[in-house]
Amino acid sequence: GAGAVDLTSAITWVVTTGVNALTLAAGTEGQIKFIVMKTDGGAATLTPISPANYDTIEFNDVGDSVQLLYTNAAWHIVGSHGVTVA
């Protein structure tokens, strides 16, 4: 559902029951985070607090995923599948 993405686990599974807004706080230097849509009940839009060269990441379908690296005080997209980056 909507809300803050957990920073303590390496993988976060997105389960939506409608259109959901997600946030991602600043991480720690070198932190890697995977976010994967597990259940599609509507789009989920992720807005990191400190994105690198993008504003949002949108998950629309089961399997949409992103791998992020926190470095230089920002979340950098290392890899993705199916997401829309704006």
Protein backbone atom coordinates (compact mmCIF):
# COMPACT_ATOMS: atom_id res chain seq x y z
CA GLY A 1 0.00 0.00 0.00
CA ALA A 2 0.89 3.65 0.16
CA GLY A 3 3.50 5.12 2.47
CA ALA A 4 7.20 5.01 3.21
CA VAL A 5 9.39 2.29 1.71
CA ASP A 6 11.32 0.33 4.34
CA LEU A 7 15.04 1.16 4.40
CA THR A 8 16.13 -1.78 6.57
CA SER A 9 15.38 -4.64 4.17
CA ALA A 10 17.13 -5.07 0.82
CA ILE A 11 13.89 -5.89 -1.04
CA THR A 12 10.52 -4.20 -0.87
CA TRP A 13 7.52 -5.86 -2.52
CA VAL A 14 4.88 -3.42 -3.76
CA VAL A 15 1.28 -4.57 -3.28
CA THR A 16 -1.34 -2.05 -4.41
CA THR A 17 -5.07 -1.94 -3.83
CA GLY A 18 -5.58 1.24 -5.86
CA VAL A 19 -3.36 4.11 -6.90
CA ASN A 20 -0.61 4.38 -4.26
CA ALA A 21 2.01 7.03 -3.49
CA LEU A 22 5.30 5.78 -2.04
CA THR A 23 8.22 7.69 -0.58
CA LEU A 24 11.84 6.70 -0.03
CA ALA A 25 13.95 8.45 2.59
CA ALA A 26 17.67 9.08 2.24
CA GLY A 27 19.74 5.93 2.60
CA THR A 28 23.29 5.31 3.76
CA GLU A 29 26.35 5.54 1.50
CA GLY A 30 26.60 2.38 -0.62
CA GLN A 31 23.12 1.09 0.26
CA ILE A 32 21.40 -1.01 -2.41
CA LYS A 33 17.62 -1.25 -2.56
CA PHE A 34 15.39 -3.43 -4.77
CA ILE A 35 11.72 -2.54 -5.23
CA VAL A 36 9.44 -4.99 -7.08
CA MET A 37 5.71 -4.87 -7.81
CA LYS A 38 4.22 -8.13 -6.51
CA THR A 39 0.47 -7.43 -6.78
CA ASP A 40 -1.06 -4.94 -9.19
CA GLY A 41 -4.23 -3.38 -7.85
CA GLY A 42 -3.32 0.00 -9.35
CA ALA A 43 -0.26 2.08 -10.16
CA ALA A 44 2.32 2.92 -7.50
CA THR A 45 4.42 6.06 -7.82
CA LEU A 46 7.67 6.22 -5.84
CA THR A 47 9.08 9.64 -4.99
CA PRO A 48 12.51 9.41 -3.35
CA ILE A 49 13.54 12.23 -1.01
CA SER A 50 16.86 12.56 -2.86
CA PRO A 51 16.64 11.21 -6.44
CA ALA A 52 19.53 11.48 -8.90
CA ASN A 53 18.45 12.97 -12.26
CA TYR A 54 14.78 11.89 -12.05
CA ASP A 55 11.73 12.76 -9.96
CA THR A 56 9.54 9.65 -9.77
CA ILE A 57 9.44 5.94 -10.58
CA GLU A 58 6.07 4.42 -11.50
CA PHE A 59 5.20 0.73 -11.13
CA ASN A 60 2.22 -0.38 -13.27
CA ASP A 61 2.44 -4.16 -13.65
CA VAL A 62 3.47 -7.25 -11.69
CA GLY A 63 7.21 -7.70 -12.16
CA ASP A 64 8.02 -4.03 -12.63
CA SER A 65 11.21 -3.47 -10.68
CA VAL A 66 14.04 -1.09 -9.92
CA GLN A 67 17.47 -1.45 -8.34
CA LEU A 68 18.72 1.66 -6.59
CA LEU A 69 22.11 2.63 -5.17
CA TYR A 70 22.45 5.39 -2.58
CA THR A 71 25.67 7.29 -3.18
CA ASN A 72 26.72 10.95 -3.18
CA ALA A 73 23.60 11.80 -1.14
CA ALA A 74 21.16 10.54 -3.81
CA TRP A 75 19.32 7.41 -4.99
CA HIS A 76 20.73 6.39 -8.39
CA ILE A 77 18.91 3.94 -10.68
CA VAL A 78 21.29 1.06 -11.38
CA GLY A 79 18.79 -1.10 -13.27
CA SER A 80 15.10 -1.38 -13.96
CA HIS A 81 12.44 -3.44 -15.71
CA GLY A 82 9.06 -2.16 -16.85
CA VAL A 83 8.94 0.97 -14.67
CA THR A 84 8.34 4.47 -15.99
CA VAL A 85 10.94 7.01 -14.86
CA ALA A 86 10.11 10.70 -14.97
